[in-house]
C-alpha atoms as a PDB file:
ATOM      1  CA  MET A   1       0.027   0.091  -0.032  1.00  0.00           C
ATOM      2  CA  VAL A   2       1.347   3.393  -0.831  1.00  0.00           C
ATOM      3  CA  VAL A   3       0.235   6.044   1.229  1.00  0.00           C
ATOM      4  CA  ILE A   4       0.822  10.042  -0.743  1.00  0.00           C
ATOM      5  CA  THR A   5       0.155  12.964   2.276  1.00  0.00           C
ATOM      6  CA  MET A   6      -0.570  16.389   1.216  1.00  0.00           C
ATOM      7  CA  ALA A   7       0.093  18.964   3.547  1.00  0.00           C
ATOM      8  CA  THR A   8       0.187  22.844   2.733  1.00  0.00           C
ATOM      9  CA  ASN A   9      -0.062  25.952   4.557  1.00  0.00           C
ATOM     10  CA  GLN A  10      -1.459  27.765   1.444  1.00  0.00           C
ATOM     11  CA  LEU A  11      -5.373  28.865   1.616  1.00  0.00           C
ATOM     12  CA  LEU A  12      -7.287  26.918  -0.716  1.00  0.00           C
ATOM     13  CA  THR A  13     -10.108  28.108  -2.683  1.00  0.00           C
ATOM     14  CA  GLU A  14     -13.520  26.894  -3.418  1.00  0.00           C
ATOM     15  CA  SER A  15     -12.292  25.691  -6.694  1.00  0.00           C
ATOM     16  CA  SER A  16      -9.009  24.143  -5.178  1.00  0.00           C
ATOM     17  CA  ILE A  17     -11.092  22.064  -2.805  1.00  0.00           C
ATOM     18  CA  LEU A  18     -13.266  21.086  -5.862  1.00  0.00           C
ATOM     19  CA  ARG A  19     -10.667  19.894  -8.252  1.00  0.00           C
ATOM     20  CA  MET A  20      -9.251  17.748  -5.214  1.00  0.00           C
ATOM     21  CA  LYS A  21     -12.721  16.247  -5.204  1.00  0.00           C
ATOM     22  CA  ASN A  22     -12.925  15.390  -9.029  1.00  0.00           C
ATOM     23  CA  PHE A  23      -9.244  13.895  -8.549  1.00  0.00           C
ATOM     24  CA  ASN A  24     -10.713  11.644  -6.153  1.00  0.00           C
ATOM     25  CA  ARG A  25     -13.149  10.824  -8.228  1.00  0.00           C
ATOM     26  CA  GLU A  26     -11.165  10.201 -11.194  1.00  0.00           C
ATOM     27  CA  LEU A  27      -8.779   7.691  -8.875  1.00  0.00           C
ATOM     28  CA  LYS A  28     -11.773   5.807  -8.227  1.00  0.00           C
ATOM     29  CA  PHE A  29     -12.893   4.940 -11.550  1.00  0.00           C
ATOM     30  CA  SER A  30      -9.359   4.820 -13.179  1.00  0.00           C
ATOM     31  CA  ARG A  31      -8.746   1.598 -14.542  1.00  0.00           C
ATOM     32  CA  ASP A  32      -5.046   1.992 -13.992  1.00  0.00           C
ATOM     33  CA  TRP A  33      -5.399   2.221 -10.039  1.00  0.00           C
ATOM     34  CA  TYR A  34      -7.172   0.059  -7.829  1.00  0.00           C
ATOM     35  CA  PRO A  35      -9.506   1.606  -5.536  1.00  0.00           C
ATOM     36  CA  CYS A  36      -8.466   3.954  -3.143  1.00  0.00           C
ATOM     37  CA  LYS A  37      -9.860   6.712  -0.799  1.00  0.00           C
ATOM     38  CA  TRP A  38      -8.909   9.790   0.892  1.00  0.00           C
ATOM     39  CA  LEU A  39      -8.318   9.633   4.556  1.00  0.00           C
ATOM     40  CA  PRO A  40     -10.232  12.252   7.038  1.00  0.00           C
ATOM     41  CA  MET A  41      -9.443  15.519   5.700  1.00  0.00           C
ATOM     42  CA  THR A  42      -8.720  18.562   8.261  1.00  0.00           C
ATOM     43  CA  LEU A  43      -9.831  21.820   7.052  1.00  0.00           C
ATOM     44  CA  LEU A  44      -8.626  24.504   9.818  1.00  0.00           C
ATOM     45  CA  ASN A  45      -8.950  28.219   8.966  1.00  0.00           C
ATOM     46  CA  GLY A  46      -9.244  27.138   4.907  1.00  0.00           C
ATOM     47  CA  ARG A  47      -5.858  25.028   5.701  1.00  0.00           C
ATOM     48  CA  VAL A  48      -5.367  21.614   4.382  1.00  0.00           C
ATOM     49  CA  ASN A  49      -3.902  18.378   5.655  1.00  0.00           C
ATOM     50  CA  THR A  50      -5.060  15.318   3.828  1.00  0.00           C
ATOM     51  CA  GLN A  51      -3.668  11.918   3.359  1.00  0.00           C
ATOM     52  CA  LEU A  52      -4.634   9.951   0.163  1.00  0.00           C
ATOM     53  CA  GLN A  53      -4.324   6.067   0.160  1.00  0.00           C
ATOM     54  CA  VAL A  54      -4.016   4.202  -2.968  1.00  0.00           C
ATOM     55  CA  GLY A  55      -3.641   0.549  -4.159  1.00  0.00           C
ATOM     56  CA  THR A  56      -0.461  -0.513  -5.883  1.00  0.00           C
ATOM     57  CA  LEU A  57      -1.142  -2.627  -9.209  1.00  0.00           C
ATOM     58  CA  PRO A  58       0.696  -5.870  -9.283  1.00  0.00           C
ATOM     59  CA  CYS A  59       3.210  -5.556 -12.512  1.00  0.00           C
ATOM     60  CA  ARG A  60       6.382  -6.977 -13.895  1.00  0.00           C
ATOM     61  CA  LYS A  61       9.309  -5.719 -11.753  1.00  0.00           C
ATOM     62  CA  GLY A  62       6.858  -4.428  -8.972  1.00  0.00           C
ATOM     63  CA  ALA A  63       6.456  -0.811 -10.368  1.00  0.00           C
ATOM     64  CA  LEU A  64       3.973   1.227  -9.273  1.00  0.00           C
ATOM     65  CA  VAL A  65       1.500   2.251 -12.140  1.00  0.00           C
ATOM     66  CA  VAL A  66       0.209   5.871 -12.087  1.00  0.00           C
ATOM     67  CA  SER A  67      -2.146   6.560 -14.854  1.00  0.00           C
ATOM     68  CA  PRO A  68      -0.560   9.549 -17.312  1.00  0.00           C
ATOM     69  CA  ARG A  69      -4.471  10.901 -17.198  1.00  0.00           C
ATOM     70  CA  ILE A  70      -4.183  11.832 -13.698  1.00  0.00           C
ATOM     71  CA  SER A  71      -2.153  14.433 -12.083  1.00  0.00           C
ATOM     72  CA  LEU A  72      -2.282  15.839  -8.607  1.00  0.00           C
ATOM     73  CA  PRO A  73      -4.290  18.618  -7.837  1.00  0.00           C
ATOM     74  CA  SER A  74      -2.907  21.579  -7.562  1.00  0.00           C
ATOM     75  CA  THR A  75      -3.199  24.065  -4.337  1.00  0.00           C
ATOM     76  CA  THR A  76      -1.714  26.974  -5.642  1.00  0.00           C
ATOM     77  CA  LEU A  77      -3.991  30.138  -5.568  1.00  0.00           C
ATOM     78  CA  ASP A  78      -6.135  30.289  -8.598  1.00  0.00           C
ATOM     79  CA  LEU A  79      -6.995  33.297 -11.065  1.00  0.00           C
ATOM     80  CA  LEU A  80     -10.136  34.147 -12.358  1.00  0.00           C
ATOM     81  CA  GLU A  81     -11.254  32.870 -15.759  1.00  0.00           C
ATOM     82  CA  ALA A  82     -10.326  35.273 -18.266  1.00  0.00           C
ATOM     83  CA  PHE A  83      -9.317  35.143 -22.231  1.00  0.00           C
ATOM     84  CA  ASP A  84      -6.945  37.215 -24.178  1.00  0.00           C
ATOM     85  CA  ASP A  85      -8.539  40.054 -26.542  1.00  0.00           C
ATOM     86  CA  GLU A  86      -6.670  41.296 -29.838  1.00  0.00           C
ATOM     87  CA  TYR A  87      -4.910  44.292 -28.317  1.00  0.00           C
ATOM     88  CA  GLY A  88      -2.908  42.659 -25.409  1.00  0.00           C
ATOM     89  CA  GLY A  89      -5.577  43.147 -22.904  1.00  0.00           C
ATOM     90  CA  VAL A  90      -7.562  40.440 -20.866  1.00  0.00           C
ATOM     91  CA  ILE A  91     -11.828  39.834 -20.700  1.00  0.00           C
ATOM     92  CA  ILE A  92     -13.011  38.114 -17.260  1.00  0.00           C
ATOM     93  CA  ASP A  93     -15.501  35.369 -18.068  1.00  0.00           C
ATOM     94  CA  PRO A  94     -18.354  37.044 -15.769  1.00  0.00           C
ATOM     95  CA  GLY A  95     -20.416  33.511 -15.575  1.00  0.00           C
ATOM     96  CA  CYS A  96     -17.394  32.330 -13.621  1.00  0.00           C
ATOM     97  CA  LEU A  97     -17.124  34.701 -11.150  1.00  0.00           C
ATOM     98  CA  PRO A  98     -17.062  33.480  -7.300  1.00  0.00           C
ATOM     99  CA  SER A  99     -19.987  34.184  -5.070  1.00  0.00           C
ATOM    100  CA  SER A 100     -17.784  34.825  -2.375  1.00  0.00           C
ATOM    101  CA  SER A 101     -16.675  38.005  -1.671  1.00  0.00           C
ATOM    102  CA  ASN A 102     -13.749  36.961  -0.023  1.00  0.00           C
ATOM    103  CA  ALA A 103     -13.093  34.830  -2.715  1.00  0.00           C
ATOM    104  CA  PHE A 104     -13.164  37.400  -5.511  1.00  0.00           C
ATOM    105  CA  VAL A 105     -10.953  39.903  -3.798  1.00  0.00           C
ATOM    106  CA  ARG A 106      -8.437  36.591  -3.421  1.00  0.00           C
ATOM    107  CA  LEU A 107      -9.017  35.705  -7.054  1.00  0.00           C
ATOM    108  CA  LEU A 108      -8.653  39.270  -8.236  1.00  0.00           C
ATOM    109  CA  ARG A 109      -5.364  40.423  -6.726  1.00  0.00           C
ATOM    110  CA  ASP A 110      -3.663  37.017  -7.449  1.00  0.00           C
ATOM    111  CA  SER A 111      -5.083  37.654 -11.045  1.00  0.00           C
ATOM    112  CA  LEU A 112      -4.144  41.479 -11.089  1.00  0.00           C
ATOM    113  CA  SER A 113      -0.488  40.340 -10.084  1.00  0.00           C
ATOM    114  CA  ASN A 114      -0.096  37.132 -12.513  1.00  0.00           C
ATOM    115  CA  TRP A 115      -1.500  39.902 -15.689  1.00  0.00           C
ATOM    116  CA  LYS A 116       1.090  42.393 -14.342  1.00  0.00           C
ATOM    117  CA  LEU A 117       3.790  39.876 -14.499  1.00  0.00           C
ATOM    118  CA  ASN A 118       2.614  38.948 -17.822  1.00  0.00           C
ATOM    119  CA  ARG A 119       2.438  42.429 -19.316  1.00  0.00           C
ATOM    120  CA  LYS A 120      -1.034  42.708 -19.865  1.00  0.00           C
ATOM    121  CA  ARG A 121      -2.517  46.130 -20.544  1.00  0.00           C
ATOM    122  CA  GLY A 122      -6.200  46.796 -20.097  1.00  0.00           C
ATOM    123  CA  ILE A 123      -8.358  44.431 -18.021  1.00  0.00           C
ATOM    124  CA  TRP A 124     -12.292  44.230 -19.071  1.00  0.00           C
ATOM    125  CA  LEU A 125     -14.642  43.224 -16.069  1.00  0.00           C
ATOM    126  CA  LYS A 126     -18.648  42.654 -16.697  1.00  0.00           C
ATOM    127  CA  ILE A 127     -20.156  42.300 -13.269  1.00  0.00           C
ATOM    128  CA  LEU A 128     -23.829  40.972 -13.897  1.00  0.00           C
ATOM    129  CA  SER A 129     -26.788  42.407 -11.836  1.00  0.00           C
ATOM    130  CA  GLU A 130     -26.936  39.501  -9.272  1.00  0.00           C
ATOM    131  CA  GLN A 131     -23.191  40.103  -8.859  1.00  0.00           C
ATOM    132  CA  SER A 132     -23.323  43.887  -7.932  1.00  0.00           C
ATOM    133  CA  ASP A 133     -21.791  42.933  -4.226  1.00  0.00           C
ATOM    134  CA  LEU A 134     -18.575  42.510  -6.194  1.00  0.00           C
ATOM    135  CA  VAL A 135     -18.599  46.048  -7.917  1.00  0.00           C
ATOM    136  CA  PRO A 136     -17.085  48.105  -4.445  1.00  0.00           C
ATOM    137  CA  ILE A 137     -14.841  45.425  -4.591  1.00  0.00           C
ATOM    138  CA  ALA A 138     -13.482  45.967  -7.905  1.00  0.00           C
ATOM    139  CA  ILE A 139     -13.716  49.503  -7.493  1.00  0.00           C
ATOM    140  CA  LYS A 140     -11.389  49.582  -4.580  1.00  0.00           C
ATOM    141  CA  GLU A 141      -8.683  47.275  -5.951  1.00  0.00           C
ATOM    142  CA  GLY A 142      -8.419  50.018  -8.557  1.00  0.00           C
ATOM    143  CA  PHE A 143     -11.092  49.209 -11.740  1.00  0.00           C
ATOM    144  CA  ASN A 144     -12.998  52.072 -13.096  1.00  0.00           C
ATOM    145  CA  TYR A 145     -16.561  52.481 -14.421  1.00  0.00           C
ATOM    146  CA  HIS A 146     -16.920  52.526 -17.826  1.00  0.00           C
ATOM    147  CA  HIS A 147     -20.267  51.614 -19.032  1.00  0.00           C
ATOM    148  CA  ALA A 148     -23.581  50.166 -17.880  1.00  0.00           C
ATOM    149  CA  GLU A 149     -26.353  48.846 -19.595  1.00  0.00           C
ATOM    150  CA  PRO A 150     -29.460  46.959 -18.056  1.00  0.00           C
ATOM    151  CA  GLY A 151     -28.381  43.778 -16.596  1.00  0.00           C
ATOM    152  CA  TYR A 152     -24.737  44.673 -16.221  1.00  0.00           C
ATOM    153  CA  VAL A 153     -22.194  47.270 -15.649  1.00  0.00           C
ATOM    154  CA  MET A 154     -18.677  47.076 -17.376  1.00  0.00           C
ATOM    155  CA  LEU A 155     -15.589  48.113 -15.243  1.00  0.00           C
ATOM    156  CA  THR A 156     -12.108  48.455 -16.594  1.00  0.00           C
ATOM    157  CA  TYR A 157      -8.070  48.123 -15.484  1.00  0.00           C
ATOM    158  CA  TRP A 158      -5.168  49.710 -16.950  1.00  0.00           C
ATOM    159  CA  ILE A 159      -2.049  48.322 -15.983  1.00  0.00           C
ATOM    160  CA  PRO A 160       0.629  50.315 -17.911  1.00  0.00           C
ATOM    161  CA  ASP A 161       2.517  52.813 -16.448  1.00  0.00           C
ATOM    162  CA  GLU A 162       1.116  55.414 -18.989  1.00  0.00           C
ATOM    163  CA  PRO A 163      -1.964  57.056 -20.243  1.00  0.00           C
ATOM    164  CA  SER A 164      -5.039  54.657 -20.889  1.00  0.00           C
ATOM    165  CA  MET A 165      -5.425  53.658 -24.978  1.00  0.00           C
ATOM    166  CA  LEU A 166      -8.591  51.569 -23.587  1.00  0.00           C
ATOM    167  CA  PRO A 167     -11.722  52.988 -25.915  1.00  0.00           C
ATOM    168  CA  ASP A 168     -13.930  55.946 -23.669  1.00  0.00           C
ATOM    169  CA  SER A 169     -17.721  54.770 -23.006  1.00  0.00           C
ATOM    170  CA  PRO A 170     -20.582  55.138 -25.774  1.00  0.00           C
ATOM    171  CA  SER A 171     -20.603  58.915 -26.481  1.00  0.00           C
ATOM    172  CA  HIS A 172     -23.196  59.553 -28.887  1.00  0.00           C
ATOM    173  CA  GLN A 173     -27.196  58.956 -28.938  1.00  0.00           C
ATOM    174  CA  ILE A 174     -28.659  58.918 -32.461  1.00  0.00           C
ATOM    175  CA  GLY A 175     -31.790  60.072 -33.400  1.00  0.00           C
ATOM    176  CA  VAL A 176     -33.634  60.312 -36.718  1.00  0.00           C
ATOM    177  CA  GLY A 177     -36.312  62.430 -38.627  1.00  0.00           C
ATOM    178  CA  GLY A 178     -38.754  61.459 -41.035  1.00  0.00           C
ATOM    179  CA  PHE A 179     -39.570  63.848 -44.135  1.00  0.00           C
ATOM    180  CA  VAL A 180     -42.730  62.232 -45.591  1.00  0.00           C
ATOM    181  CA  ILE A 181     -44.636  64.372 -48.525  1.00  0.00           C
ATOM    182  CA  ASN A 182     -47.741  62.770 -50.078  1.00  0.00           C
ATOM    183  CA  GLU A 183     -49.379  63.251 -53.885  1.00  0.00           C
ATOM    184  CA  HIS A 184     -50.625  66.538 -52.694  1.00  0.00           C
ATOM    185  CA  LYS A 185     -47.998  68.064 -51.479  1.00  0.00           C
ATOM    186  CA  GLU A 186     -48.837  67.603 -48.218  1.00  0.00           C
ATOM    187  CA  VAL A 187     -46.122  67.180 -44.888  1.00  0.00           C
ATOM    188  CA  LEU A 188     -46.656  64.800 -42.469  1.00  0.00           C
ATOM    189  CA  VAL A 189     -46.304  66.654 -39.443  1.00  0.00           C
ATOM    190  CA  VAL A 190     -46.422  66.075 -35.317  1.00  0.00           C
ATOM    191  CA  LYS A 191     -47.025  67.856 -32.182  1.00  0.00           C
ATOM    192  CA  GLU A 192     -45.503  66.356 -29.457  1.00  0.00           C
ATOM    193  CA  ARG A 193     -47.429  66.155 -26.071  1.00  0.00           C
ATOM    194  CA  GLN A 194     -44.313  67.002 -24.094  1.00  0.00           C
ATOM    195  CA  CYS A 195     -41.276  69.038 -25.134  1.00  0.00           C
ATOM    196  CA  PRO A 196     -39.203  72.050 -24.194  1.00  0.00           C
ATOM    197  CA  PHE A 197     -40.942  75.040 -23.575  1.00  0.00           C
ATOM    198  CA  HIS A 198     -39.227  76.701 -26.632  1.00  0.00           C
ATOM    199  CA  CYS A 199     -40.581  74.754 -29.361  1.00  0.00           C
ATOM    200  CA  SER A 200     -44.098  73.975 -27.251  1.00  0.00           C
ATOM    201  CA  GLY A 201     -47.227  73.802 -29.989  1.00  0.00           C
ATOM    202  CA  ILE A 202     -44.802  73.636 -32.895  1.00  0.00           C
ATOM    203  CA  TRP A 203     -45.736  71.394 -35.629  1.00  0.00           C
ATOM    204  CA  LYS A 204     -42.233  69.325 -36.675  1.00  0.00           C
ATOM    205  CA  LEU A 205     -41.393  66.220 -38.202  1.00  0.00           C
ATOM    206  CA  PRO A 206     -41.868  62.685 -36.840  1.00  0.00           C
ATOM    207  CA  THR A 207     -38.669  62.233 -34.624  1.00  0.00           C
ATOM    208  CA  GLY A 208     -37.398  59.431 -32.220  1.00  0.00           C
ATOM    209  CA  TYR A 209     -34.101  57.780 -31.118  1.00  0.00           C
ATOM    210  CA  ILE A 210     -32.779  54.368 -33.028  1.00  0.00           C
ATOM    211  CA  ASN A 211     -32.718  51.447 -30.708  1.00  0.00           C
ATOM    212  CA  LYS A 212     -29.780  49.224 -29.880  1.00  0.00           C
ATOM    213  CA  SER A 213     -28.411  47.289 -33.179  1.00  0.00           C
ATOM    214  CA  GLU A 214     -31.247  48.946 -35.735  1.00  0.00           C
ATOM    215  CA  GLU A 215     -30.455  50.098 -38.833  1.00  0.00           C
ATOM    216  CA  ILE A 216     -31.073  53.910 -39.273  1.00  0.00           C
ATOM    217  CA  PHE A 217     -33.405  53.750 -42.230  1.00  0.00           C
ATOM    218  CA  SER A 218     -35.719  51.104 -40.228  1.00  0.00           C
ATOM    219  CA  GLY A 219     -35.453  53.418 -36.888  1.00  0.00           C
ATOM    220  CA  VAL A 220     -37.010  56.220 -38.895  1.00  0.00           C
ATOM    221  CA  VAL A 221     -39.695  53.896 -40.723  1.00  0.00           C
ATOM    222  CA  ARG A 222     -40.536  52.665 -37.217  1.00  0.00           C
ATOM    223  CA  GLU A 223     -40.772  56.196 -35.263  1.00  0.00           C
ATOM    224  CA  VAL A 224     -42.981  57.260 -38.043  1.00  0.00           C
ATOM    225  CA  GLN A 225     -45.296  54.421 -37.885  1.00  0.00           C
ATOM    226  CA  GLU A 226     -45.124  54.558 -34.084  1.00  0.00           C
ATOM    227  CA  GLU A 227     -46.086  58.211 -33.630  1.00  0.00           C
ATOM    228  CA  THR A 228     -48.443  58.583 -36.688  1.00  0.00           C
ATOM    229  CA  GLY A 229     -49.475  54.925 -38.033  1.00  0.00           C
ATOM    230  CA  ILE A 230     -48.316  55.985 -41.364  1.00  0.00           C
ATOM    231  CA  GLU A 231     -46.482  53.284 -43.118  1.00  0.00           C
ATOM    232  CA  THR A 232     -43.553  54.601 -45.153  1.00  0.00           C
ATOM    233  CA  THR A 233     -40.608  53.038 -46.914  1.00  0.00           C
ATOM    234  CA  PHE A 234     -36.881  54.489 -47.010  1.00  0.00           C
ATOM    235  CA  LEU A 235     -35.914  56.699 -49.809  1.00  0.00           C
ATOM    236  CA  GLU A 236     -32.795  58.291 -48.986  1.00  0.00           C
ATOM    237  CA  MET A 237     -30.581  60.175 -46.052  1.00  0.00           C
ATOM    238  CA  ILE A 238     -30.526  63.912 -46.848  1.00  0.00           C
ATOM    239  CA  ALA A 239     -28.589  65.634 -44.322  1.00  0.00           C
ATOM    240  CA  PHE A 240     -27.390  64.676 -40.414  1.00  0.00           C
ATOM    241  CA  ARG A 241     -26.345  67.080 -37.840  1.00  0.00           C
ATOM    242  CA  HIS A 242     -23.613  66.651 -35.041  1.00  0.00           C
ATOM    243  CA  ALA A 243     -24.054  68.094 -31.655  1.00  0.00           C
ATOM    244  CA  HIS A 244     -22.298  68.065 -28.257  1.00  0.00           C
ATOM    245  CA  ASN A 245     -23.186  67.919 -24.685  1.00  0.00           C
ATOM    246  CA  MET A 246     -26.884  67.310 -25.197  1.00  0.00           C
ATOM    247  CA  ALA A 247     -28.749  64.742 -22.713  1.00  0.00           C
ATOM    248  CA  PHE A 248     -26.746  63.333 -20.459  1.00  0.00           C
ATOM    249  CA  GLU A 249     -23.844  65.108 -21.769  1.00  0.00           C
ATOM    250  CA  LYS A 250     -23.344  63.096 -24.854  1.00  0.00           C
ATOM    251  CA  SER A 251     -23.118  63.659 -28.140  1.00  0.00           C
ATOM    252  CA  ASP A 252     -25.916  63.667 -30.489  1.00  0.00           C
ATOM    253  CA  LEU A 253     -26.388  62.479 -34.267  1.00  0.00           C
ATOM    254  CA  PHE A 254     -29.651  63.469 -35.968  1.00  0.00           C
ATOM    255  CA  PHE A 255     -30.367  62.294 -39.430  1.00  0.00           C
ATOM    256  CA  VAL A 256     -32.974  63.456 -41.346  1.00  0.00           C
ATOM    257  CA  CYS A 257     -34.058  61.365 -43.950  1.00  0.00           C
ATOM    258  CA  MET A 258     -36.543  61.212 -46.823  1.00  0.00           C
ATOM    259  CA  LEU A 259     -39.365  58.634 -46.453  1.00  0.00           C
ATOM    260  CA  LYS A 260     -42.141  57.636 -49.325  1.00  0.00           C
ATOM    261  CA  ALA A 261     -45.966  57.124 -47.660  1.00  0.00           C
ATOM    262  CA  LEU A 262     -47.750  54.009 -48.495  1.00  0.00           C
ATOM    263  CA  SER A 263     -50.954  55.022 -46.354  1.00  0.00           C
ATOM    264  CA  SER A 264     -53.071  58.011 -45.398  1.00  0.00           C
ATOM    265  CA  ASP A 265     -54.851  57.227 -42.213  1.00  0.00           C
ATOM    266  CA  ILE A 266     -53.382  58.824 -39.255  1.00  0.00           C
ATOM    267  CA  THR A 267     -53.443  56.866 -36.062  1.00  0.00           C
ATOM    268  CA  ILE A 268     -51.499  58.821 -33.070  1.00  0.00           C
ATOM    269  CA  ASP A 269     -49.554  57.391 -29.940  1.00  0.00           C
ATOM    270  CA  GLU A 270     -51.328  59.478 -27.429  1.00  0.00           C
ATOM    271  CA  LYS A 271     -48.750  58.642 -25.115  1.00  0.00           C
ATOM    272  CA  GLU A 272     -45.917  60.807 -26.599  1.00  0.00           C
ATOM    273  CA  ILE A 273     -48.205  62.888 -29.806  1.00  0.00           C
ATOM    274  CA  GLU A 274     -50.781  65.472 -29.011  1.00  0.00           C
ATOM    275  CA  ALA A 275     -51.465  65.814 -32.649  1.00  0.00           C
ATOM    276  CA  ALA A 276     -50.864  64.614 -36.109  1.00  0.00           C
ATOM    277  CA  LYS A 277     -51.852  65.726 -39.390  1.00  0.00           C
ATOM    278  CA  TRP A 278     -51.133  66.503 -43.152  1.00  0.00           C
ATOM    279  CA  MET A 279     -50.067  69.761 -43.500  1.00  0.00           C
ATOM    280  CA  PRO A 280     -49.612  71.865 -46.630  1.00  0.00           C
ATOM    281  CA  LEU A 281     -45.821  72.089 -47.756  1.00  0.00           C
ATOM    282  CA  ASP A 282     -45.748  76.016 -47.839  1.00  0.00           C
ATOM    283  CA  GLU A 283     -47.570  76.498 -44.511  1.00  0.00           C
ATOM    284  CA  PHE A 284     -45.215  73.772 -43.070  1.00  0.00           C
ATOM    285  CA  VAL A 285     -41.974  75.821 -44.288  1.00  0.00           C
ATOM    286  CA  GLY A 286     -43.938  79.188 -43.224  1.00  0.00           C
ATOM    287  CA  GLN A 287     -44.082  78.638 -39.316  1.00  0.00           C
ATOM    288  CA  GLU A 288     -42.010  81.260 -37.752  1.00  0.00           C
ATOM    289  CA  PHE A 289     -40.150  78.863 -35.502  1.00  0.00           C
ATOM    290  CA  TYR A 290     -38.204  77.488 -38.599  1.00  0.00           C
ATOM    291  CA  GLN A 291     -37.852  80.843 -40.000  1.00  0.00           C
ATOM    292  CA  ASP A 292     -35.879  82.072 -36.638  1.00  0.00           C
ATOM    293  CA  ASP A 293     -33.640  78.809 -36.545  1.00  0.00           C
ATOM    294  CA  HIS A 294     -30.954  78.835 -39.387  1.00  0.00           C
ATOM    295  CA  MET A 295     -30.390  75.121 -38.829  1.00  0.00           C
ATOM    296  CA  LEU A 296     -33.663  73.949 -38.789  1.00  0.00           C
ATOM    297  CA  LYS A 297     -34.522  76.344 -41.777  1.00  0.00           C
ATOM    298  CA  LYS A 298     -31.650  74.763 -43.986  1.00  0.00           C
ATOM    299  CA  ALA A 299     -32.923  71.351 -43.284  1.00  0.00           C
ATOM    300  CA  ILE A 300     -36.097  72.027 -44.439  1.00  0.00           C
ATOM    301  CA  ASP A 301     -34.707  73.443 -47.363  1.00  0.00           C
ATOM    302  CA  ILE A 302     -32.996  70.488 -48.440  1.00  0.00           C
ATOM    303  CA  CYS A 303     -35.816  68.435 -47.523  1.00  0.00           C
ATOM    304  CA  VAL A 304     -37.916  70.589 -50.004  1.00  0.00           C
ATOM    305  CA  ALA A 305     -35.229  70.566 -52.478  1.00  0.00           C
ATOM    306  CA  THR A 306     -35.179  66.456 -52.508  1.00  0.00           C
ATOM    307  CA  TYR A 307     -38.653  66.139 -53.216  1.00  0.00           C
ATOM    308  CA  GLU A 308     -38.320  68.848 -56.014  1.00  0.00           C
ATOM    309  CA  ASN A 309     -35.528  66.904 -57.652  1.00  0.00           C
ATOM    310  CA  ARG A 310     -33.139  69.707 -56.889  1.00  0.00           C
ATOM    311  CA  TYR A 311     -30.787  67.625 -54.188  1.00  0.00           C
ATOM    312  CA  SER A 312     -29.806  63.995 -53.952  1.00  0.00           C
ATOM    313  CA  GLY A 313     -28.884  62.251 -50.463  1.00  0.00           C
ATOM    314  CA  PHE A 314     -27.730  58.855 -49.491  1.00  0.00           C
ATOM    315  CA  ILE A 315     -28.760  55.520 -50.423  1.00  0.00           C
ATOM    316  CA  ALA A 316     -28.400  52.755 -48.084  1.00  0.00           C
ATOM    317  CA  ASP A 317     -26.273  49.842 -49.864  1.00  0.00           C
ATOM    318  CA  GLN A 318     -25.968  46.517 -47.866  1.00  0.00           C
ATOM    319  CA  LEU A 319     -22.300  45.065 -47.661  1.00  0.00           C
ATOM    320  CA  ILE A 320     -19.754  42.667 -46.607  1.00  0.00           C
ATOM    321  CA  SER A 321     -16.953  43.288 -44.695  1.00  0.00           C
ATOM    322  CA  LYS A 322     -13.454  41.299 -44.325  1.00  0.00           C
ATOM    323  CA  LEU A 323     -13.116  43.917 -40.839  1.00  0.00           C
ATOM    324  CA  ASP A 324     -15.741  41.833 -39.560  1.00  0.00           C
ATOM    325  CA  GLY A 325     -16.956  39.376 -41.826  1.00  0.00           C
ATOM    326  CA  ASN A 326     -20.668  40.705 -41.484  1.00  0.00           C
ATOM    327  CA  LEU A 327     -23.436  42.434 -43.856  1.00  0.00           C
ATOM    328  CA  SER A 328     -23.707  45.973 -42.730  1.00  0.00           C
ATOM    329  CA  TYR A 329     -25.029  49.245 -44.367  1.00  0.00           C
ATOM    330  CA  LEU A 330     -22.852  51.621 -46.505  1.00  0.00           C
ATOM    331  CA  TYR A 331     -24.719  55.110 -46.858  1.00  0.00           C
ATOM    332  CA  TYR A 332     -23.874  56.853 -50.173  1.00  0.00           C
ATOM    333  CA  ASN A 333     -25.101  59.227 -52.922  1.00  0.00           C
ATOM    334  CA  GLY A 334     -26.326  56.709 -55.585  1.00  0.00           C
ATOM    335  CA  LEU A 335     -26.829  58.901 -58.371  1.00  0.00           C
ATOM    336  CA  ASN A 336     -22.834  59.227 -58.727  1.00  0.00           C
ATOM    337  CA  LYS A 337     -21.439  56.307 -60.124  1.00  0.00           C
ATOM    338  CA  VAL A 338     -18.125  54.821 -58.571  1.00  0.00           C
END
């Protein structure tokens, strides 16, 4: 009988103990070992002292046969489950974070030490809502907030002793407005139920924000339908505005698109819209509000010029790119052949 004794003064993590149990299970079912068992294990203050008793398999020359598929469990401190990104950094797997705060802080510290030794750069740590008690621990260890979405918060840690090269958090919101004009030279306009005081009571184009992963052209068609009930199809993007320090101190991209009406009966969304109607183009353009606002006046002038075929905007062309291997849309002036 051979007795293997393991004794260590190191603190064991939950996964270390789990690996010991898996090791015992592998031994029991290995064809290269006779049945074996753990002798009683003493675990005091996270320290282990145990003996593993195994049998020897008779063979020629009396050698002890050990399966090459089995290795003794390591009692060294573990690292957080993570994988390398394309820029010399590390992305931590949120699904493998320990539930214990004590285990998390130990693993995080050991992992950071290891990544520093291996000259890693940016560390990305995604913490799910149900793991939110780990956020203050990571912040205390030097992580910074990057961005948050429903269900998680993203934290980052920059290792090199130089200004961080990690990209900033998302900085823009994207809005769209639909210019819809019918065969009677009437523009589809709305009066919003809630809007800033300076534009209260103004008849304006249907507008809104596009959703996550939504295309600009499909977003503007959706917004027009939701606010007015009018079905449309996208024709072209005719102008866009870029502004800064808007809502939540973010920058704002607003795209004006020409749409073709496919229906005429209006049904408003009463939660957002006070009223909607088809307004004669001259009456719409003649509103004092637009005459006093140089940018809006210019945008409407471009809309009218597009309707009168004196101006051509951008069409949406779906193409594939080697950058990501996916189909996406390129917007360009379709009248100018390239």
